[in-house]
Amino acid sequence: MDLSLSTRTVGDRTVVEVGGEIDVYTAPKLREQLVELVNDGNYHLVVDMEGVDFLDSTGLGVLVGGLKRVRAHEGSLRLVCNQERILKIFRITGLTKVFPIHNSVDDAVSATD
C-alpha cells in the first residue's frame, strides 16, 4: 500500500494528514514533507495519523526526526492517533512520553501541552 499525504493550516498549526502505511518504503516521502514544511517556516505541526494502517520503526524514526527539527526552532509536533494497534507501538517504544498524542485534530490544535 502507498502513502498519501496532504497538508492544511488550522489556526497557527500545519496539519499533515497521513494515510496508508508508513514503512521503510514510504517513510522517506513523509520525511521529505516534514523537512520541507520546517524549511518553509512551519514549526508547529500536527501529524494526523487516523488514516494510517501500518507503522514500522522507520516511520517512528521519521516522526522523531521531525520532532527534533521543529524543536530546533522552538516548535512542536503533535500526533493525532486513536487506533489501538498504532498507539500500542508508541506505548511499547516509550514514545508516548515524547509525543503529545491526541484523539482528534481539534484536540491537537487547541492543546497547550
PDB file of N, CA and C in Angstrom:
ATOM      1  N   MET A   1       0.841  -1.183   0.000  1.00  0.00           N
ATOM      2  CA  MET A   1       0.000   0.000   0.000  1.00  0.00           C
ATOM      3  C   MET A   1       0.886   1.246   0.000  1.00  0.00           C
ATOM      4  N   ASP A   2       0.393   2.287  -0.620  1.00  0.00           N
ATOM      5  CA  ASP A   2       1.152   3.523  -0.730  1.00  0.00           C
ATOM      6  C   ASP A   2       0.840   4.454   0.430  1.00  0.00           C
ATOM      7  N   LEU A   3       1.502   5.572   0.439  1.00  0.00           N
ATOM      8  CA  LEU A   3       1.327   6.579   1.475  1.00  0.00           C
ATOM      9  C   LEU A   3       0.687   7.801   0.846  1.00  0.00           C
ATOM     10  N   SER A   4      -0.358   8.324   1.477  1.00  0.00           N
ATOM     11  CA  SER A   4      -0.953   9.572   0.994  1.00  0.00           C
ATOM     12  C   SER A   4      -0.666  10.668   2.007  1.00  0.00           C
ATOM     13  N   LEU A   5      -0.354  11.846   1.493  1.00  0.00           N
ATOM     14  CA  LEU A   5      -0.031  12.996   2.336  1.00  0.00           C
ATOM     15  C   LEU A   5      -0.781  14.216   1.829  1.00  0.00           C
ATOM     16  N   SER A   6      -1.334  14.988   2.748  1.00  0.00           N
ATOM     17  CA  SER A   6      -1.899  16.285   2.392  1.00  0.00           C
ATOM     18  C   SER A   6      -1.697  17.209   3.581  1.00  0.00           C
ATOM     19  N   THR A   7      -1.579  18.488   3.294  1.00  0.00           N
ATOM     20  CA  THR A   7      -1.372  19.456   4.375  1.00  0.00           C
ATOM     21  C   THR A   7      -2.425  20.545   4.299  1.00  0.00           C
ATOM     22  N   ARG A   8      -2.717  21.089   5.459  1.00  0.00           N
ATOM     23  CA  ARG A   8      -3.636  22.220   5.555  1.00  0.00           C
ATOM     24  C   ARG A   8      -3.270  23.002   6.801  1.00  0.00           C
ATOM     25  N   THR A   9      -3.728  24.224   6.866  1.00  0.00           N
ATOM     26  CA  THR A   9      -3.452  25.066   8.023  1.00  0.00           C
ATOM     27  C   THR A   9      -4.715  25.195   8.858  1.00  0.00           C
ATOM     28  N   VAL A  10      -4.569  24.970  10.172  1.00  0.00           N
ATOM     29  CA  VAL A  10      -5.667  25.150  11.118  1.00  0.00           C
ATOM     30  C   VAL A  10      -5.128  26.049  12.227  1.00  0.00           C
ATOM     31  N   GLY A  11      -5.618  27.273  12.267  1.00  0.00           N
ATOM     32  CA  GLY A  11      -5.084  28.234  13.237  1.00  0.00           C
ATOM     33  C   GLY A  11      -3.624  28.494  12.941  1.00  0.00           C
ATOM     34  N   ASP A  12      -2.772  28.329  13.954  1.00  0.00           N
ATOM     35  CA  ASP A  12      -1.334  28.540  13.742  1.00  0.00           C
ATOM     36  C   ASP A  12      -0.587  27.221  13.553  1.00  0.00           C
ATOM     37  N   ARG A  13      -1.325  26.168  13.299  1.00  0.00           N
ATOM     38  CA  ARG A  13      -0.735  24.828  13.124  1.00  0.00           C
ATOM     39  C   ARG A  13      -0.815  24.384  11.668  1.00  0.00           C
ATOM     40  N   THR A  14       0.150  23.614  11.258  1.00  0.00           N
ATOM     41  CA  THR A  14       0.099  22.961   9.959  1.00  0.00           C
ATOM     42  C   THR A  14      -0.230  21.497  10.216  1.00  0.00           C
ATOM     43  N   VAL A  15      -1.330  21.045   9.643  1.00  0.00           N
ATOM     44  CA  VAL A  15      -1.783  19.668   9.831  1.00  0.00           C
ATOM     45  C   VAL A  15      -1.344  18.841   8.621  1.00  0.00           C
ATOM     46  N   VAL A  16      -0.649  17.748   8.891  1.00  0.00           N
ATOM     47  CA  VAL A  16      -0.232  16.812   7.852  1.00  0.00           C
ATOM     48  C   VAL A  16      -1.105  15.573   8.000  1.00  0.00           C
ATOM     49  N   GLU A  17      -1.990  15.353   7.041  1.00  0.00           N
ATOM     50  CA  GLU A  17      -2.839  14.163   7.070  1.00  0.00           C
ATOM     51  C   GLU A  17      -2.103  13.041   6.365  1.00  0.00           C
ATOM     52  N   VAL A  18      -1.954  11.932   7.077  1.00  0.00           N
ATOM     53  CA  VAL A  18      -1.211  10.793   6.553  1.00  0.00           C
ATOM     54  C   VAL A  18      -2.160   9.608   6.427  1.00  0.00           C
ATOM     55  N   GLY A  19      -2.088   8.925   5.306  1.00  0.00           N
ATOM     56  CA  GLY A  19      -2.914   7.741   5.110  1.00  0.00           C
ATOM     57  C   GLY A  19      -2.090   6.616   4.519  1.00  0.00           C
ATOM     58  N   GLY A  20      -2.473   5.400   4.828  1.00  0.00           N
ATOM     59  CA  GLY A  20      -1.773   4.233   4.286  1.00  0.00           C
ATOM     60  C   GLY A  20      -0.768   3.675   5.264  1.00  0.00           C
ATOM     61  N   GLU A  21       0.375   3.270   4.715  1.00  0.00           N
ATOM     62  CA  GLU A  21       1.404   2.626   5.525  1.00  0.00           C
ATOM     63  C   GLU A  21       2.650   3.495   5.602  1.00  0.00           C
ATOM     64  N   ILE A  22       3.177   3.647   6.822  1.00  0.00           N
ATOM     65  CA  ILE A  22       4.452   4.347   6.997  1.00  0.00           C
ATOM     66  C   ILE A  22       5.482   3.267   7.310  1.00  0.00           C
ATOM     67  N   ASP A  23       6.234   2.898   6.283  1.00  0.00           N
ATOM     68  CA  ASP A  23       7.222   1.828   6.451  1.00  0.00           C
ATOM     69  C   ASP A  23       8.526   2.208   5.764  1.00  0.00           C
ATOM     70  N   VAL A  24       9.427   1.246   5.668  1.00  0.00           N
ATOM     71  CA  VAL A  24      10.756   1.515   5.121  1.00  0.00           C
ATOM     72  C   VAL A  24      10.680   2.048   3.688  1.00  0.00           C
ATOM     73  N   TYR A  25       9.628   1.718   2.947  1.00  0.00           N
ATOM     74  CA  TYR A  25       9.499   2.158   1.564  1.00  0.00           C
ATOM     75  C   TYR A  25       8.863   3.538   1.443  1.00  0.00           C
ATOM     76  N   THR A  26       7.914   3.849   2.318  1.00  0.00           N
ATOM     77  CA  THR A  26       7.157   5.097   2.189  1.00  0.00           C
ATOM     78  C   THR A  26       7.622   6.194   3.141  1.00  0.00           C
ATOM     79  N   ALA A  27       8.345   5.835   4.197  1.00  0.00           N
ATOM     80  CA  ALA A  27       8.768   6.823   5.193  1.00  0.00           C
ATOM     81  C   ALA A  27       9.575   7.983   4.600  1.00  0.00           C
ATOM     82  N   PRO A  28      10.435   7.746   3.590  1.00  0.00           N
ATOM     83  CA  PRO A  28      11.173   8.886   3.020  1.00  0.00           C
ATOM     84  C   PRO A  28      10.247   9.980   2.463  1.00  0.00           C
ATOM     85  N   LYS A  29       9.102   9.592   1.957  1.00  0.00           N
ATOM     86  CA  LYS A  29       8.127  10.569   1.440  1.00  0.00           C
ATOM     87  C   LYS A  29       7.621  11.466   2.581  1.00  0.00           C
ATOM     88  N   LEU A  30       7.334  10.860   3.738  1.00  0.00           N
ATOM     89  CA  LEU A  30       6.895  11.633   4.903  1.00  0.00           C
ATOM     90  C   LEU A  30       8.040  12.511   5.405  1.00  0.00           C
ATOM     91  N   ARG A  31       9.256  11.961   5.442  1.00  0.00           N
ATOM     92  CA  ARG A  31      10.420  12.730   5.891  1.00  0.00           C
ATOM     93  C   ARG A  31      10.589  13.978   5.021  1.00  0.00           C
ATOM     94  N   GLU A  32      10.520  13.812   3.697  1.00  0.00           N
ATOM     95  CA  GLU A  32      10.653  14.947   2.784  1.00  0.00           C
ATOM     96  C   GLU A  32       9.596  16.013   3.071  1.00  0.00           C
ATOM     97  N   GLN A  33       8.367  15.575   3.320  1.00  0.00           N
ATOM     98  CA  GLN A  33       7.280  16.513   3.591  1.00  0.00           C
ATOM     99  C   GLN A  33       7.559  17.307   4.869  1.00  0.00           C
ATOM    100  N   LEU A  34       7.985  16.621   5.933  1.00  0.00           N
ATOM    101  CA  LEU A  34       8.262  17.291   7.201  1.00  0.00           C
ATOM    102  C   LEU A  34       9.438  18.260   7.068  1.00  0.00           C
ATOM    103  N   VAL A  35      10.491  17.842   6.382  1.00  0.00           N
ATOM    104  CA  VAL A  35      11.662  18.699   6.181  1.00  0.00           C
ATOM    105  C   VAL A  35      11.262  19.947   5.395  1.00  0.00           C
ATOM    106  N   GLU A  36      10.474  19.758   4.345  1.00  0.00           N
ATOM    107  CA  GLU A  36      10.027  20.885   3.518  1.00  0.00           C
ATOM    108  C   GLU A  36       9.189  21.875   4.336  1.00  0.00           C
ATOM    109  N   LEU A  37       8.296  21.358   5.159  1.00  0.00           N
ATOM    110  CA  LEU A  37       7.455  22.231   5.984  1.00  0.00           C
ATOM    111  C   LEU A  37       8.303  23.061   6.947  1.00  0.00           C
ATOM    112  N   VAL A  38       9.256  22.412   7.613  1.00  0.00           N
ATOM    113  CA  VAL A  38      10.118  23.125   8.561  1.00  0.00           C
ATOM    114  C   VAL A  38      10.987  24.147   7.815  1.00  0.00           C
ATOM    115  N   ASN A  39      11.521  23.763   6.671  1.00  0.00           N
ATOM    116  CA  ASN A  39      12.336  24.689   5.879  1.00  0.00           C
ATOM    117  C   ASN A  39      11.533  25.901   5.427  1.00  0.00           C
ATOM    118  N   ASP A  40      10.221  25.721   5.258  1.00  0.00           N
ATOM    119  CA  ASP A  40       9.336  26.819   4.852  1.00  0.00           C
ATOM    120  C   ASP A  40       8.837  27.640   6.044  1.00  0.00           C
ATOM    121  N   GLY A  41       9.310  27.305   7.255  1.00  0.00           N
ATOM    122  CA  GLY A  41       8.965  28.104   8.427  1.00  0.00           C
ATOM    123  C   GLY A  41       7.760  27.617   9.213  1.00  0.00           C
ATOM    124  N   ASN A  42       7.303  26.389   8.944  1.00  0.00           N
ATOM    125  CA  ASN A  42       6.192  25.802   9.704  1.00  0.00           C
ATOM    126  C   ASN A  42       6.777  24.988  10.856  1.00  0.00           C
ATOM    127  N   TYR A  43       6.715  25.565  12.062  1.00  0.00           N
ATOM    128  CA  TYR A  43       7.362  24.931  13.208  1.00  0.00           C
ATOM    129  C   TYR A  43       6.383  24.295  14.184  1.00  0.00           C
ATOM    130  N   HIS A  44       5.096  24.441  13.944  1.00  0.00           N
ATOM    131  CA  HIS A  44       4.082  23.829  14.807  1.00  0.00           C
ATOM    132  C   HIS A  44       3.243  22.885  13.958  1.00  0.00           C
ATOM    133  N   LEU A  45       3.600  21.607  14.050  1.00  0.00           N
ATOM    134  CA  LEU A  45       2.985  20.601  13.183  1.00  0.00           C
ATOM    135  C   LEU A  45       2.078  19.666  13.967  1.00  0.00           C
ATOM    136  N   VAL A  46       1.025  19.237  13.291  1.00  0.00           N
ATOM    137  CA  VAL A  46       0.149  18.185  13.792  1.00  0.00           C
ATOM    138  C   VAL A  46       0.136  17.100  12.721  1.00  0.00           C
ATOM    139  N   VAL A  47       0.564  15.897  13.081  1.00  0.00           N
ATOM    140  CA  VAL A  47       0.534  14.783  12.139  1.00  0.00           C
ATOM    141  C   VAL A  47      -0.701  13.949  12.452  1.00  0.00           C
ATOM    142  N   ASP A  48      -1.663  14.001  11.532  1.00  0.00           N
ATOM    143  CA  ASP A  48      -2.924  13.281  11.687  1.00  0.00           C
ATOM    144  C   ASP A  48      -2.745  11.874  11.128  1.00  0.00           C
ATOM    145  N   MET A  49      -2.670  10.902  12.041  1.00  0.00           N
ATOM    146  CA  MET A  49      -2.412   9.514  11.660  1.00  0.00           C
ATOM    147  C   MET A  49      -3.664   8.648  11.697  1.00  0.00           C
ATOM    148  N   GLU A  50      -4.842   9.265  11.683  1.00  0.00           N
ATOM    149  CA  GLU A  50      -6.074   8.482  11.748  1.00  0.00           C
ATOM    150  C   GLU A  50      -6.219   7.532  10.560  1.00  0.00           C
ATOM    151  N   GLY A  51      -5.622   7.893   9.413  1.00  0.00           N
ATOM    152  CA  GLY A  51      -5.726   7.052   8.221  1.00  0.00           C
ATOM    153  C   GLY A  51      -4.561   6.101   8.036  1.00  0.00           C
ATOM    154  N   VAL A  52      -3.693   5.987   9.043  1.00  0.00           N
ATOM    155  CA  VAL A  52      -2.522   5.111   8.937  1.00  0.00           C
ATOM    156  C   VAL A  52      -2.907   3.682   9.306  1.00  0.00           C
ATOM    157  N   ASP A  53      -2.557   2.761   8.404  1.00  0.00           N
ATOM    158  CA  ASP A  53      -2.869   1.344   8.617  1.00  0.00           C
ATOM    159  C   ASP A  53      -1.712   0.578   9.241  1.00  0.00           C
ATOM    160  N   PHE A  54      -0.491   1.075   9.036  1.00  0.00           N
ATOM    161  CA  PHE A  54       0.689   0.346   9.492  1.00  0.00           C
ATOM    162  C   PHE A  54       1.809   1.342   9.753  1.00  0.00           C
ATOM    163  N   LEU A  55       2.588   1.079  10.796  1.00  0.00           N
ATOM    164  CA  LEU A  55       3.717   1.933  11.162  1.00  0.00           C
ATOM    165  C   LEU A  55       4.856   1.041  11.627  1.00  0.00           C
ATOM    166  N   ASP A  56       6.040   1.210  11.017  1.00  0.00           N
ATOM    167  CA  ASP A  56       7.189   0.421  11.471  1.00  0.00           C
ATOM    168  C   ASP A  56       8.247   1.332  12.090  1.00  0.00           C
ATOM    169  N   SER A  57       9.384   0.748  12.434  1.00  0.00           N
ATOM    170  CA  SER A  57      10.426   1.506  13.132  1.00  0.00           C
ATOM    171  C   SER A  57      10.986   2.634  12.275  1.00  0.00           C
ATOM    172  N   THR A  58      11.010   2.454  10.967  1.00  0.00           N
ATOM    173  CA  THR A  58      11.479   3.524  10.087  1.00  0.00           C
ATOM    174  C   THR A  58      10.546   4.718  10.185  1.00  0.00           C
ATOM    175  N   GLY A  59       9.251   4.449  10.207  1.00  0.00           N
ATOM    176  CA  GLY A  59       8.255   5.513  10.359  1.00  0.00           C
ATOM    177  C   GLY A  59       8.400   6.232  11.686  1.00  0.00           C
ATOM    178  N   LEU A  60       8.640   5.466  12.754  1.00  0.00           N
ATOM    179  CA  LEU A  60       8.864   6.084  14.060  1.00  0.00           C
ATOM    180  C   LEU A  60      10.088   6.996  14.015  1.00  0.00           C
ATOM    181  N   GLY A  61      11.126   6.539  13.340  1.00  0.00           N
ATOM    182  CA  GLY A  61      12.346   7.335  13.216  1.00  0.00           C
ATOM    183  C   GLY A  61      12.097   8.650  12.490  1.00  0.00           C
ATOM    184  N   VAL A  62      11.259   8.621  11.473  1.00  0.00           N
ATOM    185  CA  VAL A  62      10.926   9.840  10.731  1.00  0.00           C
ATOM    186  C   VAL A  62      10.173  10.817  11.641  1.00  0.00           C
ATOM    187  N   LEU A  63       9.248  10.302  12.444  1.00  0.00           N
ATOM    188  CA  LEU A  63       8.499  11.172  13.357  1.00  0.00           C
ATOM    189  C   LEU A  63       9.420  11.785  14.410  1.00  0.00           C
ATOM    190  N   VAL A  64      10.330  10.986  14.951  1.00  0.00           N
ATOM    191  CA  VAL A  64      11.291  11.506  15.939  1.00  0.00           C
ATOM    192  C   VAL A  64      12.185  12.562  15.288  1.00  0.00           C
ATOM    193  N   GLY A  65      12.623  12.302  14.059  1.00  0.00           N
ATOM    194  CA  GLY A  65      13.438  13.280  13.336  1.00  0.00           C
ATOM    195  C   GLY A  65      12.682  14.577  13.109  1.00  0.00           C
ATOM    196  N   GLY A  66      11.396  14.461  12.775  1.00  0.00           N
ATOM    197  CA  GLY A  66      10.559  15.644  12.592  1.00  0.00           C
ATOM    198  C   GLY A  66      10.432  16.438  13.875  1.00  0.00           C
ATOM    199  N   LEU A  67      10.282  15.719  14.988  1.00  0.00           N
ATOM    200  CA  LEU A  67      10.188  16.375  16.293  1.00  0.00           C
ATOM    201  C   LEU A  67      11.472  17.152  16.597  1.00  0.00           C
ATOM    202  N   LYS A  68      12.610  16.540  16.330  1.00  0.00           N
ATOM    203  CA  LYS A  68      13.894  17.221  16.566  1.00  0.00           C
ATOM    204  C   LYS A  68      14.014  18.473  15.715  1.00  0.00           C
ATOM    205  N   ARG A  69      13.555  18.397  14.464  1.00  0.00           N
ATOM    206  CA  ARG A  69      13.635  19.558  13.564  1.00  0.00           C
ATOM    207  C   ARG A  69      12.802  20.730  14.077  1.00  0.00           C
ATOM    208  N   VAL A  70      11.564  20.462  14.498  1.00  0.00           N
ATOM    209  CA  VAL A  70      10.712  21.577  14.949  1.00  0.00           C
ATOM    210  C   VAL A  70      11.189  22.108  16.292  1.00  0.00           C
ATOM    211  N   ARG A  71      11.692  21.236  17.136  1.00  0.00           N
ATOM    212  CA  ARG A  71      12.195  21.697  18.437  1.00  0.00           C
ATOM    213  C   ARG A  71      13.408  22.594  18.289  1.00  0.00           C
ATOM    214  N   ALA A  72      14.180  22.396  17.226  1.00  0.00           N
ATOM    215  CA  ALA A  72      15.339  23.252  16.963  1.00  0.00           C
ATOM    216  C   ALA A  72      14.897  24.690  16.684  1.00  0.00           C
ATOM    217  N   HIS A  73      13.618  24.859  16.364  1.00  0.00           N
ATOM    218  CA  HIS A  73      13.048  26.185  16.087  1.00  0.00           C
ATOM    219  C   HIS A  73      12.002  26.566  17.129  1.00  0.00           C
ATOM    220  N   GLU A  74      12.112  25.958  18.332  1.00  0.00           N
ATOM    221  CA  GLU A  74      11.148  26.225  19.416  1.00  0.00           C
ATOM    222  C   GLU A  74       9.728  25.819  19.028  1.00  0.00           C
ATOM    223  N   GLY A  75       9.621  24.828  18.141  1.00  0.00           N
ATOM    224  CA  GLY A  75       8.315  24.392  17.655  1.00  0.00           C
ATOM    225  C   GLY A  75       7.786  23.169  18.377  1.00  0.00           C
ATOM    226  N   SER A  76       6.736  22.580  17.803  1.00  0.00           N
ATOM    227  CA  SER A  76       6.112  21.398  18.402  1.00  0.00           C
ATOM    228  C   SER A  76       5.613  20.462  17.311  1.00  0.00           C
ATOM    229  N   LEU A  77       5.530  19.200  17.652  1.00  0.00           N
ATOM    230  CA  LEU A  77       4.962  18.203  16.753  1.00  0.00           C
ATOM    231  C   LEU A  77       4.029  17.345  17.586  1.00  0.00           C
ATOM    232  N   ARG A  78       2.759  17.398  17.252  1.00  0.00           N
ATOM    233  CA  ARG A  78       1.735  16.621  17.964  1.00  0.00           C
ATOM    234  C   ARG A  78       1.177  15.579  17.025  1.00  0.00           C
ATOM    235  N   LEU A  79       0.789  14.459  17.599  1.00  0.00           N
ATOM    236  CA  LEU A  79       0.219  13.376  16.797  1.00  0.00           C
ATOM    237  C   LEU A  79      -1.262  13.232  17.088  1.00  0.00           C
ATOM    238  N   VAL A  80      -2.013  12.862  16.060  1.00  0.00           N
ATOM    239  CA  VAL A  80      -3.416  12.501  16.226  1.00  0.00           C
ATOM    240  C   VAL A  80      -3.503  11.024  15.875  1.00  0.00           C
ATOM    241  N   CYS A  81      -3.879  10.230  16.865  1.00  0.00           N
ATOM    242  CA  CYS A  81      -3.978   8.790  16.651  1.00  0.00           C
ATOM    243  C   CYS A  81      -4.960   8.220  17.659  1.00  0.00           C
ATOM    244  N   ASN A  82      -5.935   7.480  17.166  1.00  0.00           N
ATOM    245  CA  ASN A  82      -6.880   6.840  18.078  1.00  0.00           C
ATOM    246  C   ASN A  82      -7.058   5.363  17.752  1.00  0.00           C
ATOM    247  N   GLN A  83      -6.137   4.825  16.970  1.00  0.00           N
ATOM    248  CA  GLN A  83      -6.193   3.403  16.641  1.00  0.00           C
ATOM    249  C   GLN A  83      -5.316   2.628  17.625  1.00  0.00           C
ATOM    250  N   GLU A  84      -5.908   1.697  18.298  1.00  0.00           N
ATOM    251  CA  GLU A  84      -5.204   0.962  19.345  1.00  0.00           C
ATOM    252  C   GLU A  84      -3.944   0.276  18.830  1.00  0.00           C
ATOM    253  N   ARG A  85      -3.997  -0.300  17.635  1.00  0.00           N
ATOM    254  CA  ARG A  85      -2.818  -1.040  17.136  1.00  0.00           C
ATOM    255  C   ARG A  85      -1.634  -0.111  16.878  1.00  0.00           C
ATOM    256  N   ILE A  86      -1.899   1.144  16.506  1.00  0.00           N
ATOM    257  CA  ILE A  86      -0.816   2.109  16.296  1.00  0.00           C
ATOM    258  C   ILE A  86      -0.371   2.697  17.640  1.00  0.00           C
ATOM    259  N   LEU A  87      -1.330   3.006  18.506  1.00  0.00           N
ATOM    260  CA  LEU A  87      -0.997   3.529  19.839  1.00  0.00           C
ATOM    261  C   LEU A  87      -0.118   2.549  20.610  1.00  0.00           C
ATOM    262  N   LYS A  88      -0.363   1.270  20.425  1.00  0.00           N
ATOM    263  CA  LYS A  88       0.410   0.226  21.125  1.00  0.00           C
ATOM    264  C   LYS A  88       1.896   0.337  20.779  1.00  0.00           C
ATOM    265  N   ILE A  89       2.196   0.673  19.534  1.00  0.00           N
ATOM    266  CA  ILE A  89       3.592   0.824  19.107  1.00  0.00           C
ATOM    267  C   ILE A  89       4.252   1.970  19.877  1.00  0.00           C
ATOM    268  N   PHE A  90       3.518   3.072  20.052  1.00  0.00           N
ATOM    269  CA  PHE A  90       4.069   4.207  20.796  1.00  0.00           C
ATOM    270  C   PHE A  90       4.251   3.855  22.267  1.00  0.00           C
ATOM    271  N   ARG A  91       3.331   3.066  22.822  1.00  0.00           N
ATOM    272  CA  ARG A  91       3.463   2.654  24.232  1.00  0.00           C
ATOM    273  C   ARG A  91       4.664   1.735  24.425  1.00  0.00           C
ATOM    274  N   ILE A  92       4.790   0.735  23.569  1.00  0.00           N
ATOM    275  CA  ILE A  92       5.865  -0.256  23.689  1.00  0.00           C
ATOM    276  C   ILE A  92       7.234   0.414  23.586  1.00  0.00           C
ATOM    277  N   THR A  93       7.344   1.405  22.701  1.00  0.00           N
ATOM    278  CA  THR A  93       8.636   2.070  22.483  1.00  0.00           C
ATOM    279  C   THR A  93       8.898   3.199  23.462  1.00  0.00           C
ATOM    280  N   GLY A  94       7.903   3.524  24.294  1.00  0.00           N
ATOM    281  CA  GLY A  94       8.065   4.606  25.253  1.00  0.00           C
ATOM    282  C   GLY A  94       7.887   5.988  24.641  1.00  0.00           C
ATOM    283  N   LEU A  95       7.465   6.039  23.392  1.00  0.00           N
ATOM    284  CA  LEU A  95       7.335   7.332  22.717  1.00  0.00           C
ATOM    285  C   LEU A  95       6.086   8.108  23.126  1.00  0.00           C
ATOM    286  N   THR A  96       5.230   7.508  23.939  1.00  0.00           N
ATOM    287  CA  THR A  96       4.088   8.270  24.471  1.00  0.00           C
ATOM    288  C   THR A  96       4.588   9.358  25.422  1.00  0.00           C
ATOM    289  N   LYS A  97       5.802   9.184  25.931  1.00  0.00           N
ATOM    290  CA  LYS A  97       6.391  10.199  26.811  1.00  0.00           C
ATOM    291  C   LYS A  97       7.050  11.322  26.008  1.00  0.00           C
ATOM    292  N   VAL A  98       7.279  11.077  24.720  1.00  0.00           N
ATOM    293  CA  VAL A  98       7.972  12.025  23.858  1.00  0.00           C
ATOM    294  C   VAL A  98       6.989  12.858  23.041  1.00  0.00           C
ATOM    295  N   PHE A  99       5.968  12.192  22.520  1.00  0.00           N
ATOM    296  CA  PHE A  99       4.984  12.852  21.663  1.00  0.00           C
ATOM    297  C   PHE A  99       3.678  13.106  22.398  1.00  0.00           C
ATOM    298  N   PRO A 100       3.137  14.323  22.287  1.00  0.00           N
ATOM    299  CA  PRO A 100       1.758  14.523  22.735  1.00  0.00           C
ATOM    300  C   PRO A 100       0.847  13.831  21.711  1.00  0.00           C
ATOM    301  N   ILE A 101       0.018  12.901  22.173  1.00  0.00           N
ATOM    302  CA  ILE A 101      -0.876  12.164  21.272  1.00  0.00           C
ATOM    303  C   ILE A 101      -2.314  12.519  21.611  1.00  0.00           C
ATOM    304  N   HIS A 102      -3.061  12.936  20.596  1.00  0.00           N
ATOM    305  CA  HIS A 102      -4.430  13.413  20.778  1.00  0.00           C
ATOM    306  C   HIS A 102      -5.413  12.538  20.006  1.00  0.00           C
ATOM    307  N   ASN A 103      -6.692  12.623  20.405  1.00  0.00           N
ATOM    308  CA  ASN A 103      -7.740  11.835  19.757  1.00  0.00           C
ATOM    309  C   ASN A 103      -8.273  12.468  18.483  1.00  0.00           C
ATOM    310  N   SER A 104      -8.103  13.776  18.330  1.00  0.00           N
ATOM    311  CA  SER A 104      -8.625  14.450  17.139  1.00  0.00           C
ATOM    312  C   SER A 104      -7.747  15.643  16.784  1.00  0.00           C
ATOM    313  N   VAL A 105      -7.881  16.089  15.551  1.00  0.00           N
ATOM    314  CA  VAL A 105      -7.124  17.266  15.103  1.00  0.00           C
ATOM    315  C   VAL A 105      -7.520  18.473  15.941  1.00  0.00           C
ATOM    316  N   ASP A 106      -8.803  18.615  16.218  1.00  0.00           N
ATOM    317  CA  ASP A 106      -9.268  19.758  17.053  1.00  0.00           C
ATOM    318  C   ASP A 106      -8.579  19.774  18.398  1.00  0.00           C
ATOM    319  N   ASP A 107      -8.491  18.591  19.041  1.00  0.00           N
ATOM    320  CA  ASP A 107      -7.803  18.497  20.345  1.00  0.00           C
ATOM    321  C   ASP A 107      -6.336  18.896  20.220  1.00  0.00           C
ATOM    322  N   ALA A 108      -5.683  18.416  19.159  1.00  0.00           N
ATOM    323  CA  ALA A 108      -4.245  18.693  18.980  1.00  0.00           C
ATOM    324  C   ALA A 108      -4.002  20.173  18.715  1.00  0.00           C
ATOM    325  N   VAL A 109      -4.877  20.792  17.909  1.00  0.00           N
ATOM    326  CA  VAL A 109      -4.707  22.205  17.570  1.00  0.00           C
ATOM    327  C   VAL A 109      -4.940  23.098  18.777  1.00  0.00           C
ATOM    328  N   SER A 110      -5.912  22.745  19.605  1.00  0.00           N
ATOM    329  CA  SER A 110      -6.248  23.597  20.749  1.00  0.00           C
ATOM    330  C   SER A 110      -5.430  23.308  21.999  1.00  0.00           C
ATOM    331  N   ALA A 111      -4.667  22.218  22.000  1.00  0.00           N
ATOM    332  CA  ALA A 111      -3.875  21.839  23.181  1.00  0.00           C
ATOM    333  C   ALA A 111      -2.755  22.840  23.435  1.00  0.00           C
ATOM    334  N   THR A 112      -2.394  22.964  24.681  1.00  0.00           N
ATOM    335  CA  THR A 112      -1.307  23.865  25.061  1.00  0.00           C
ATOM    336  C   THR A 112      -0.119  23.107  25.634  1.00  0.00           C
ATOM    337  N   ASP A 113      -0.108  21.803  25.448  1.00  0.00           N
ATOM    338  CA  ASP A 113       0.988  20.991  26.006  1.00  0.00           C
ATOM    339  C   ASP A 113       2.300  21.198  25.291  1.00  0.00           C
TER     340      ASP A 113
END
